Amino acid sequence: MTSMIEEGSSEKGLARVAQSLARWTEKWFPDAYVVALAGVVLVAVAALANGSSPRTVVTVFGDGFWDLTAFTLQMAMVVLTGYVIATSPPVARLIDRLATVPRSASSAVSFVAFLSMSISFLNWGLSLVFGGLLARAIARRTDLRVDYRALGAAAFMGLGAVWALGISSSAAQLQATASSLPAALLKITGVLDFGTTIFTWQSLLMCAIIMALTVVIAHFSAPKDAAVKTAQDLDVDLDDQPAEAAPRSRPGEWLEYSRILPILAGLMTLGWLISQLAAKPVLTVASNLNGYLLVFLMLGLVLHGTPRKFLQAVSLAVPATAGILVQFPLYAAMAAILTKAKGVGGHTVSEHLAEFFTSIGGGGAFAVVIALYTVVLGVFVPSGGGKWLVEAPYVMQASTDVQMNLGWTVQIYNVAEALPNLINPFFMLPLLAVLRLRARDLVGFTFLQFLFHLPVVLLLVWLLGMTFDYVPPILPAAP
């Protein structure tokens, strides 16, 4: 085995690094829930050091614990609806066909990474579940021995690389919608449509470069030969199909086995979707997570055909949401302590961090400073939209002060926002539920991506930022 690993080539050198990181994380990286608990304690200590009283810290902890309740349910439903749709007969057949495309283990890993990122540009929630189930389908192939951990990490690349550069970006969506912006932020930035953020050529070029880099790293870091750990080696059950429905045994079960109600519910959902598209821009409708979940839930019902088969698929998916339900409240408490526990001078830990990073910025260095700040804070507050509402008022004011293009500042935040996902398992939870793995199984590979992504992202935000001119914000008229 040693001779195989040490055989000289850059490919095997990169694979050795991935394997070393994977071995290290398997040994030392704790469960994602333990990481969340440790994060709460860490930010509580930071708040106390900032001058917050113990009473303030514990009050904010308890009051903020359920701040992400709606988001928690949404994330659980992302897993459930994605799982239900992906295990329906039509979509399962599509995934199985796609799983036959790769011809080698390395190309299988890079193929999953590419599809994950491509889908994530449209919708990050779909990317997680679709990528995970594609990884499982490839792992079921008997003619290909692929490392299941590397496949799982590749399926996460949509969230770890480009999700916030796509049309489901929380920050870009918020900045494009006046009614969603807090009044204080609206007075600083005005409305920034997608033409100034997501669809600038600089942002699209940055997205393409990062996607290409990610695919290359995924390809060359995939373990080979004796270093491979398959799903069977990891004792993962790869059966995605629900059990066959039992035959109808009594008249009262007739509707449970009928397609009538699913079709009617599907038609009602289609009517709602058409009415939304007629009244609102397509991108606005597409970015509505609640609407997305409604469509996916009803689509899953229709694709399974009968209520009985649909409920069987739901029963298979529900256990996969357990980690989300118990872990997300800890992140809500963590965010609350960072942003609400005021210390000496009435400032929070988050505000002190922002003031420090923005004070040393200026000119071209501002982009790098903001990116680094976003990465650091994102490790502890992994919520793209929520963190933007906290961070944006002083970051965008600082951007105006140093005359940095405001649309590009949003994209600096967006590209840097994805980086913490490569080392923080917050958004990894839905995928882990699908893969039936632990965070430690993937972080070795995602951390390798982080090591390459960080310097490239910092270089891109610096160089591409130089191509922008400062455009004063168009502020709303005073009432």
Protein backbone atom coordinates (compact mmCIF):
# COMPACT_ATOMS: atom_id res chain seq x y z
CA MET A 1 0.00 0.00 0.00
CA THR A 2 2.80 2.40 0.87
CA SER A 3 4.45 1.93 -2.49
CA MET A 4 1.17 2.59 -4.28
CA ILE A 5 0.57 5.81 -2.34
CA GLU A 6 4.11 7.08 -2.76
CA GLU A 7 4.28 6.45 -6.50
CA GLY A 8 5.24 9.84 -7.90
CA SER A 9 2.57 11.95 -9.47
CA SER A 10 0.86 15.21 -8.57
CA GLU A 11 -2.46 13.41 -8.58
CA LYS A 12 -1.41 10.96 -5.92
CA GLY A 13 0.29 13.75 -3.97
CA LEU A 14 -3.00 15.64 -3.73
CA ALA A 15 -4.82 12.42 -2.90
CA ARG A 16 -2.35 11.82 -0.07
CA VAL A 17 -3.17 15.23 1.40
CA ALA A 18 -6.91 14.49 1.24
CA GLN A 19 -6.39 11.09 2.83
CA SER A 20 -4.24 12.57 5.60
CA LEU A 21 -6.88 15.21 6.35
CA ALA A 22 -9.59 12.55 6.22
CA ARG A 23 -7.69 10.32 8.66
CA TRP A 24 -7.08 13.29 10.98
CA THR A 25 -10.74 14.34 10.98
CA GLU A 26 -11.92 10.76 11.45
CA LYS A 27 -9.76 10.57 14.55
CA TRP A 28 -10.14 14.05 16.01
CA PHE A 29 -13.22 15.74 14.53
CA PRO A 30 -16.17 15.39 16.94
CA ASP A 31 -19.81 14.95 16.02
CA ALA A 32 -21.50 18.03 14.50
CA TYR A 33 -23.73 18.40 17.56
CA VAL A 34 -20.66 18.57 19.81
CA VAL A 35 -19.17 21.26 17.56
CA ALA A 36 -22.36 23.29 17.94
CA LEU A 37 -22.33 22.92 21.73
CA ALA A 38 -18.69 24.00 21.86
CA GLY A 39 -19.50 26.99 19.65
CA VAL A 40 -22.19 28.18 22.05
CA VAL A 41 -19.76 27.99 24.97
CA LEU A 42 -17.05 29.80 22.98
CA VAL A 43 -19.22 32.75 21.98
CA ALA A 44 -20.61 32.97 25.53
CA VAL A 45 -17.06 33.29 26.86
CA ALA A 46 -16.30 35.92 24.20
CA ALA A 47 -19.39 37.91 25.25
CA LEU A 48 -18.35 37.78 28.91
CA ALA A 49 -14.86 38.95 27.95
CA ASN A 50 -16.51 41.82 26.04
CA GLY A 51 -18.10 42.99 29.28
CA SER A 52 -21.55 41.42 29.03
CA SER A 53 -22.94 40.31 32.36
CA PRO A 54 -23.61 36.61 32.97
CA ARG A 55 -27.29 37.47 33.30
CA THR A 56 -27.31 39.15 29.89
CA VAL A 57 -25.54 36.21 28.25
CA VAL A 58 -27.88 33.56 29.64
CA THR A 59 -30.94 35.71 28.90
CA VAL A 60 -29.91 36.21 25.29
CA PHE A 61 -29.05 32.50 25.03
CA GLY A 62 -32.51 31.43 26.18
CA ASP A 63 -34.41 34.12 24.27
CA GLY A 64 -32.52 33.43 21.05
CA PHE A 65 -32.63 29.64 21.23
CA TRP A 66 -35.77 29.45 19.09
CA ASP A 67 -35.01 32.36 16.75
CA LEU A 68 -34.48 29.94 13.86
CA THR A 69 -37.60 27.86 14.47
CA ALA A 70 -39.13 28.63 11.07
CA PHE A 71 -35.77 28.13 9.38
CA THR A 72 -35.29 24.84 11.22
CA LEU A 73 -38.62 23.54 9.94
CA GLN A 74 -37.79 24.76 6.44
CA MET A 75 -34.46 22.93 6.46
CA ALA A 76 -36.10 19.76 7.73
CA MET A 77 -38.65 20.07 4.94
CA VAL A 78 -35.87 20.62 2.38
CA VAL A 79 -34.51 17.20 3.33
CA LEU A 80 -37.92 15.56 3.47
CA THR A 81 -39.25 16.95 0.18
CA GLY A 82 -35.99 16.37 -1.65
CA TYR A 83 -35.79 12.83 -0.36
CA VAL A 84 -39.40 12.10 -1.26
CA ILE A 85 -39.00 13.45 -4.81
CA ALA A 86 -35.65 11.80 -5.41
CA THR A 87 -36.97 8.40 -4.31
CA SER A 88 -40.03 8.66 -6.55
CA PRO A 89 -39.88 6.27 -9.51
CA PRO A 90 -39.35 8.91 -12.28
CA VAL A 91 -36.58 10.86 -10.52
CA ALA A 92 -34.92 7.75 -9.14
CA ARG A 93 -34.66 6.48 -12.72
CA LEU A 94 -33.07 9.78 -13.82
CA ILE A 95 -30.52 9.64 -11.01
CA ASP A 96 -29.74 6.01 -11.82
CA ARG A 97 -29.11 6.96 -15.47
CA LEU A 98 -26.83 9.82 -14.48
CA ALA A 99 -24.96 7.47 -12.15
CA THR A 100 -23.90 5.37 -15.15
CA VAL A 101 -22.14 8.29 -16.89
CA PRO A 102 -18.74 8.29 -15.05
CA ARG A 103 -16.20 5.75 -16.28
CA SER A 104 -13.68 5.97 -13.43
CA ALA A 105 -13.66 6.60 -9.70
CA SER A 106 -12.03 10.03 -10.04
CA SER A 107 -14.40 11.14 -12.80
CA ALA A 108 -17.34 9.97 -10.67
CA VAL A 109 -16.28 12.28 -7.83
CA SER A 110 -15.71 15.28 -10.12
CA PHE A 111 -19.01 14.55 -11.94
CA VAL A 112 -20.96 14.71 -8.68
CA ALA A 113 -19.17 17.95 -7.73
CA PHE A 114 -20.01 19.55 -11.08
CA LEU A 115 -23.69 18.61 -10.99
CA SER A 116 -23.99 19.65 -7.35
CA MET A 117 -22.61 23.12 -8.12
CA SER A 118 -24.65 23.52 -11.31
CA ILE A 119 -27.90 22.72 -9.50
CA SER A 120 -26.89 24.89 -6.54
CA PHE A 121 -26.63 27.93 -8.82
CA LEU A 122 -30.38 27.51 -9.33
CA ASN A 123 -31.40 26.26 -5.87
CA TRP A 124 -29.09 25.18 -3.08
CA GLY A 125 -31.70 23.05 -1.29
CA LEU A 126 -32.26 20.85 -4.32
CA SER A 127 -28.50 20.58 -4.77
CA LEU A 128 -27.99 19.00 -1.36
CA VAL A 129 -30.50 16.20 -1.71
CA PHE A 130 -30.03 15.53 -5.43
CA GLY A 131 -26.24 15.47 -5.04
CA GLY A 132 -26.45 13.15 -2.06
CA LEU A 133 -28.75 10.70 -3.80
CA LEU A 134 -26.59 10.79 -6.94
CA ALA A 135 -23.60 9.92 -4.76
CA ARG A 136 -25.56 7.01 -3.29
CA ALA A 137 -26.56 5.81 -6.77
CA ILE A 138 -22.94 5.83 -7.95
CA ALA A 139 -21.90 4.02 -4.78
CA ARG A 140 -24.36 1.25 -5.65
CA ARG A 141 -22.50 0.48 -8.88
CA THR A 142 -20.74 -2.89 -8.70
CA ASP A 143 -18.35 -2.13 -11.57
CA LEU A 144 -16.81 0.94 -9.92
CA ARG A 145 -15.00 1.13 -6.60
CA VAL A 146 -15.39 4.75 -5.46
CA ASP A 147 -14.59 6.33 -2.11
CA TYR A 148 -17.97 7.12 -0.55
CA ARG A 149 -16.55 9.92 1.61
CA ALA A 150 -15.13 11.69 -1.45
CA LEU A 151 -18.46 11.28 -3.27
CA GLY A 152 -20.28 12.77 -0.29
CA ALA A 153 -17.88 15.71 -0.08
CA ALA A 154 -18.35 16.32 -3.82
CA ALA A 155 -22.12 16.36 -3.33
CA PHE A 156 -21.62 19.18 -0.80
CA MET A 157 -19.65 21.41 -3.16
CA GLY A 158 -22.76 23.30 -4.25
CA LEU A 159 -23.05 24.66 -0.70
CA GLY A 160 -19.31 24.85 -0.16
CA ALA A 161 -18.44 26.72 -3.33
CA VAL A 162 -21.04 28.68 -5.30
CA TRP A 163 -24.46 28.64 -3.64
CA ALA A 164 -24.41 32.31 -2.68
CA LEU A 165 -23.25 33.34 -6.17
CA GLY A 166 -26.47 31.89 -7.60
CA ILE A 167 -30.03 33.15 -7.80
CA SER A 168 -30.97 31.65 -4.42
CA SER A 169 -28.41 33.89 -2.67
CA SER A 170 -30.00 35.21 0.51
CA ALA A 171 -28.02 38.46 0.53
CA ALA A 172 -28.61 39.25 -3.15
CA GLN A 173 -32.31 38.45 -2.84
CA LEU A 174 -32.64 40.69 0.20
CA GLN A 175 -30.81 43.58 -1.47
CA ALA A 176 -33.02 43.28 -4.55
CA THR A 177 -36.27 43.49 -2.57
CA ALA A 178 -37.03 46.84 -0.95
CA SER A 179 -39.79 45.42 1.25
CA SER A 180 -37.37 42.87 2.74
CA LEU A 181 -34.64 45.37 3.63
CA PRO A 182 -34.51 46.92 7.10
CA ALA A 183 -35.05 50.66 6.94
CA ALA A 184 -31.56 51.39 8.27
CA LEU A 185 -29.93 49.33 5.51
CA LEU A 186 -32.24 50.67 2.78
CA LYS A 187 -31.07 54.21 3.66
CA ILE A 188 -27.45 53.18 3.08
CA THR A 189 -27.65 51.03 -0.05
CA GLY A 190 -30.97 51.57 -1.75
CA VAL A 191 -32.15 48.61 -3.85
CA LEU A 192 -29.47 46.61 -5.68
CA ASP A 193 -30.97 44.43 -8.40
CA PHE A 194 -29.38 41.25 -9.77
CA GLY A 195 -27.83 43.24 -12.60
CA THR A 196 -25.47 44.85 -10.07
CA THR A 197 -24.74 41.66 -8.10
CA ILE A 198 -25.37 38.10 -9.35
CA PHE A 199 -25.34 38.80 -13.09
CA THR A 200 -22.32 41.08 -13.41
CA TRP A 201 -19.67 39.54 -15.66
CA GLN A 202 -17.21 39.68 -12.78
CA SER A 203 -19.46 37.57 -10.57
CA LEU A 204 -20.21 35.05 -13.32
CA LEU A 205 -16.50 34.75 -14.14
CA MET A 206 -15.66 34.25 -10.47
CA CYS A 207 -18.32 31.54 -10.24
CA ALA A 208 -16.94 29.74 -13.30
CA ILE A 209 -13.35 29.86 -11.98
CA ILE A 210 -14.38 28.48 -8.59
CA MET A 211 -16.42 25.71 -10.18
CA ALA A 212 -13.50 24.68 -12.38
CA LEU A 213 -11.10 24.73 -9.43
CA THR A 214 -13.48 22.65 -7.31
CA VAL A 215 -13.95 20.00 -10.00
CA VAL A 216 -10.19 19.66 -10.51
CA ILE A 217 -9.51 19.29 -6.77
CA ALA A 218 -12.34 16.76 -6.40
CA HIS A 219 -10.96 14.73 -9.31
CA PHE A 220 -7.36 14.57 -8.17
CA SER A 221 -8.01 14.16 -4.45
CA ALA A 222 -10.25 11.09 -4.79
CA PRO A 223 -8.62 8.16 -2.94
CA LYS A 224 -7.55 5.17 -4.99
CA ASP A 225 -6.69 1.53 -4.55
CA ALA A 226 -6.36 0.41 -0.93
CA ALA A 227 -7.12 3.91 0.37
CA VAL A 228 -10.70 3.74 -0.92
CA LYS A 229 -13.51 3.40 1.63
CA THR A 230 -16.74 2.33 -0.04
CA ALA A 231 -20.22 2.66 1.42
CA GLN A 232 -20.02 -1.01 2.32
CA ASP A 233 -16.74 -0.41 4.18
CA LEU A 234 -18.50 2.34 6.13
CA ASP A 235 -21.51 0.09 6.80
CA VAL A 236 -23.94 2.42 4.99
CA ASP A 237 -27.24 1.03 3.74
CA LEU A 238 -27.69 2.20 0.13
CA ASP A 239 -31.32 1.14 -0.30
CA ASP A 240 -33.31 4.28 -1.19
CA GLN A 241 -36.59 2.68 -2.21
CA PRO A 242 -39.55 2.51 0.20
CA ALA A 243 -41.17 -0.86 0.77
CA GLU A 244 -43.96 -1.90 -1.54
CA ALA A 245 -47.39 -0.78 -0.36
CA ALA A 246 -49.47 -3.54 1.17
CA PRO A 247 -52.52 -4.49 -0.87
CA ARG A 248 -55.80 -2.76 0.00
CA SER A 249 -57.72 -4.82 2.55
CA ARG A 250 -60.82 -2.74 3.36
CA PRO A 251 -63.13 -0.27 1.58
CA GLY A 252 -62.02 2.63 3.78
CA GLU A 253 -58.55 2.44 2.24
CA TRP A 254 -59.77 3.13 -1.30
CA LEU A 255 -58.63 6.77 -1.38
CA GLU A 256 -55.24 5.83 0.07
CA TYR A 257 -54.59 3.77 -3.06
CA SER A 258 -56.20 6.18 -5.51
CA ARG A 259 -54.48 8.81 -7.68
CA ILE A 260 -57.48 11.14 -7.55
CA LEU A 261 -56.51 13.22 -4.48
CA PRO A 262 -52.82 13.61 -5.46
CA ILE A 263 -53.85 14.81 -8.91
CA LEU A 264 -56.34 17.33 -7.49
CA ALA A 265 -53.80 18.60 -4.95
CA GLY A 266 -51.22 18.86 -7.74
CA LEU A 267 -53.61 20.88 -9.90
CA MET A 268 -54.30 23.27 -7.01
CA THR A 269 -50.57 23.77 -6.49
CA LEU A 270 -50.07 24.34 -10.22
CA GLY A 271 -52.83 26.95 -10.18
CA TRP A 272 -51.18 28.72 -7.24
CA LEU A 273 -47.81 28.69 -9.02
CA ILE A 274 -49.30 30.12 -12.23
CA SER A 275 -51.01 32.90 -10.26
CA GLN A 276 -47.72 33.74 -8.55
CA LEU A 277 -45.82 33.84 -11.84
CA ALA A 278 -48.50 36.08 -13.33
CA ALA A 279 -48.22 38.56 -10.47
CA LYS A 280 -44.50 38.52 -9.66
CA PRO A 281 -41.14 38.28 -11.46
CA VAL A 282 -39.93 34.73 -12.05
CA LEU A 283 -36.84 35.21 -9.89
CA THR A 284 -38.95 36.47 -7.01
CA VAL A 285 -41.16 33.40 -7.14
CA ALA A 286 -38.16 31.09 -7.50
CA SER A 287 -36.48 32.56 -4.42
CA ASN A 288 -39.50 31.99 -2.16
CA LEU A 289 -38.41 29.06 -0.01
CA ASN A 290 -41.90 28.41 1.35
CA GLY A 291 -43.29 28.31 -2.17
CA TYR A 292 -40.46 26.03 -3.24
CA LEU A 293 -41.28 23.63 -0.41
CA LEU A 294 -44.99 23.67 -1.26
CA VAL A 295 -44.28 22.83 -4.90
CA PHE A 296 -41.80 20.10 -4.00
CA LEU A 297 -44.07 18.51 -1.41
CA MET A 298 -47.02 18.35 -3.80
CA LEU A 299 -44.74 17.26 -6.65
CA GLY A 300 -43.53 14.39 -4.47
CA LEU A 301 -47.14 13.39 -3.81
CA VAL A 302 -47.94 13.41 -7.53
CA LEU A 303 -44.78 11.53 -8.52
CA HIS A 304 -45.45 8.76 -6.01
CA GLY A 305 -48.97 8.42 -7.38
CA THR A 306 -50.98 7.48 -4.29
CA PRO A 307 -51.17 8.83 -0.72
CA ARG A 308 -50.10 5.44 0.65
CA LYS A 309 -46.85 5.32 -1.38
CA PHE A 310 -46.17 8.99 -0.62
CA LEU A 311 -46.53 8.45 3.14
CA GLN A 312 -44.22 5.46 2.98
CA ALA A 313 -41.57 7.64 1.35
CA VAL A 314 -42.12 10.33 4.01
CA SER A 315 -41.64 7.73 6.76
CA LEU A 316 -38.30 6.81 5.20
CA ALA A 317 -37.23 10.47 5.09
CA VAL A 318 -38.35 11.63 8.56
CA PRO A 319 -35.46 10.02 10.54
CA ALA A 320 -33.04 11.94 8.32
CA THR A 321 -34.26 15.25 9.82
CA ALA A 322 -33.37 14.38 13.44
CA GLY A 323 -29.97 16.09 13.46
CA ILE A 324 -31.43 19.30 12.07
CA LEU A 325 -34.16 19.49 14.67
CA VAL A 326 -31.81 19.27 17.66
CA GLN A 327 -28.83 21.20 16.29
CA PHE A 328 -30.22 24.30 14.59
CA PRO A 329 -31.49 25.86 17.86
CA LEU A 330 -27.90 25.88 19.12
CA TYR A 331 -26.82 27.97 16.12
CA ALA A 332 -29.71 30.34 16.76
CA ALA A 333 -28.51 30.81 20.35
CA MET A 334 -24.94 31.32 19.13
CA ALA A 335 -26.00 34.01 16.67
CA ALA A 336 -28.07 35.75 19.34
CA ILE A 337 -25.15 35.93 21.79
CA LEU A 338 -22.81 37.33 19.14
CA THR A 339 -25.22 39.97 17.90
CA LYS A 340 -27.41 40.89 20.90
CA ALA A 341 -25.34 40.51 24.10
CA LYS A 342 -24.10 44.06 24.59
CA GLY A 343 -20.99 44.65 26.62
CA VAL A 344 -18.86 47.67 27.49
CA GLY A 345 -19.97 50.75 25.58
CA GLY A 346 -23.13 49.03 24.38
CA HIS A 347 -21.30 47.09 21.66
CA THR A 348 -21.65 43.41 20.80
CA VAL A 349 -18.87 40.97 19.93
CA SER A 350 -20.04 41.01 16.31
CA GLU A 351 -19.79 44.80 16.13
CA HIS A 352 -16.29 44.79 17.57
CA LEU A 353 -15.20 42.25 14.96
CA ALA A 354 -16.68 44.36 12.17
CA GLU A 355 -15.11 47.56 13.45
CA PHE A 356 -11.70 45.89 13.68
CA PHE A 357 -11.71 44.45 10.19
CA THR A 358 -13.21 47.47 8.45
CA SER A 359 -10.89 49.90 10.24
CA ILE A 360 -7.82 48.33 8.65
CA GLY A 361 -9.45 48.22 5.22
CA GLY A 362 -9.12 50.82 2.51
CA GLY A 363 -8.68 50.89 -1.24
CA GLY A 364 -8.03 47.47 -2.78
CA ALA A 365 -7.41 45.86 0.59
CA PHE A 366 -11.01 46.50 1.65
CA ALA A 367 -12.29 43.58 -0.43
CA VAL A 368 -9.86 41.16 1.21
CA VAL A 369 -10.66 42.47 4.69
CA ILE A 370 -14.42 42.07 4.20
CA ALA A 371 -13.96 38.59 2.75
CA LEU A 372 -11.82 37.50 5.70
CA TYR A 373 -14.28 38.98 8.17
CA THR A 374 -17.16 37.14 6.52
CA VAL A 375 -15.25 33.86 6.65
CA VAL A 376 -14.35 34.26 10.33
CA LEU A 377 -17.84 35.28 11.44
CA GLY A 378 -19.41 32.64 9.20
CA VAL A 379 -17.65 29.88 11.12
CA PHE A 380 -19.69 30.85 14.18
CA VAL A 381 -22.87 32.21 12.54
CA PRO A 382 -23.49 29.98 9.50
CA SER A 383 -26.64 31.68 8.23
CA GLY A 384 -26.24 33.58 4.97
CA GLY A 385 -29.35 35.75 5.13
CA GLY A 386 -29.49 36.26 8.88
CA LYS A 387 -25.82 37.13 9.12
CA TRP A 388 -26.12 39.57 6.22
CA LEU A 389 -28.81 41.53 8.04
CA VAL A 390 -26.48 41.78 11.03
CA GLU A 391 -23.33 42.51 9.07
CA ALA A 392 -24.64 44.63 6.19
CA PRO A 393 -25.37 47.98 7.90
CA TYR A 394 -21.80 48.62 8.99
CA VAL A 395 -20.12 46.74 6.13
CA MET A 396 -22.10 48.61 3.47
CA GLN A 397 -21.58 51.92 5.26
CA ALA A 398 -17.85 51.22 5.31
CA SER A 399 -18.05 50.29 1.61
CA THR A 400 -19.62 53.66 0.88
CA ASP A 401 -16.97 55.43 2.97
CA VAL A 402 -14.09 53.86 1.01
CA GLN A 403 -16.07 54.16 -2.28
CA MET A 404 -16.21 50.46 -3.04
CA ASN A 405 -18.91 49.41 -5.51
CA LEU A 406 -21.88 48.31 -3.38
CA GLY A 407 -23.01 45.53 -5.70
CA TRP A 408 -19.52 44.05 -5.68
CA THR A 409 -19.43 44.29 -1.88
CA VAL A 410 -22.52 42.07 -1.80
CA GLN A 411 -20.72 39.57 -4.04
CA ILE A 412 -17.60 39.70 -1.87
CA TYR A 413 -19.82 38.68 1.00
CA ASN A 414 -21.50 36.00 -1.10
CA VAL A 415 -18.36 34.29 -2.34
CA ALA A 416 -16.77 34.40 1.11
CA GLU A 417 -19.99 33.22 2.77
CA ALA A 418 -19.65 29.79 1.17
CA LEU A 419 -16.14 29.17 2.54
CA PRO A 420 -17.08 28.48 6.19
CA ASN A 421 -19.45 25.77 4.97
CA LEU A 422 -16.36 23.75 4.03
CA ILE A 423 -15.28 23.52 7.68
CA ASN A 424 -18.50 24.12 9.63
CA PRO A 425 -21.05 21.27 9.41
CA PHE A 426 -24.13 23.51 9.82
CA PHE A 427 -25.42 23.28 6.23
CA MET A 428 -23.89 19.83 5.86
CA LEU A 429 -26.58 18.31 8.08
CA PRO A 430 -29.26 17.72 5.41
CA LEU A 431 -26.69 16.04 3.17
CA LEU A 432 -25.32 13.95 6.03
CA ALA A 433 -28.85 12.75 6.68
CA VAL A 434 -29.18 11.64 3.06
CA LEU A 435 -25.73 10.03 2.93
CA ARG A 436 -26.09 8.49 6.40
CA LEU A 437 -22.59 9.64 7.30
CA ARG A 438 -21.11 11.90 9.99
CA ALA A 439 -19.49 15.28 9.46
CA ARG A 440 -16.07 13.85 10.28
CA ASP A 441 -16.37 11.55 7.25
CA LEU A 442 -16.50 14.51 4.84
CA VAL A 443 -14.60 17.36 6.48
CA GLY A 444 -11.17 16.00 5.53
CA PHE A 445 -12.07 16.40 1.86
CA THR A 446 -13.98 19.67 2.22
CA PHE A 447 -11.15 21.18 4.29
CA LEU A 448 -8.75 20.40 1.43
CA GLN A 449 -11.07 22.39 -0.85
CA PHE A 450 -11.04 25.23 1.71
CA LEU A 451 -7.22 25.39 1.62
CA PHE A 452 -7.32 25.99 -2.14
CA HIS A 453 -10.46 28.14 -2.25
CA LEU A 454 -9.44 30.71 0.36
CA PRO A 455 -6.40 32.20 -1.44
CA VAL A 456 -8.13 32.02 -4.82
CA VAL A 457 -11.23 33.81 -3.49
CA LEU A 458 -9.13 36.53 -1.86
CA LEU A 459 -7.21 37.05 -5.11
CA LEU A 460 -10.38 37.19 -7.20
CA VAL A 461 -12.22 39.69 -4.99
CA TRP A 462 -9.12 41.92 -5.07
CA LEU A 463 -8.42 41.75 -8.83
CA LEU A 464 -12.00 41.78 -10.10
CA GLY A 465 -12.90 44.55 -7.66
CA MET A 466 -10.44 46.80 -9.48
CA THR A 467 -12.65 46.63 -12.60
CA PHE A 468 -15.60 48.33 -10.87
CA ASP A 469 -16.32 52.03 -10.62
CA TYR A 470 -17.97 53.42 -7.53
CA VAL A 471 -21.65 54.18 -8.14
CA PRO A 472 -23.44 56.21 -5.45
CA PRO A 473 -26.53 54.40 -4.17
CA ILE A 474 -29.94 55.48 -5.38
CA LEU A 475 -31.70 56.08 -2.09
CA PRO A 476 -35.45 56.05 -1.57
CA ALA A 477 -37.17 59.42 -1.43
CA ALA A 478 -37.84 60.75 2.05
CA PRO A 479 -41.48 60.29 3.11
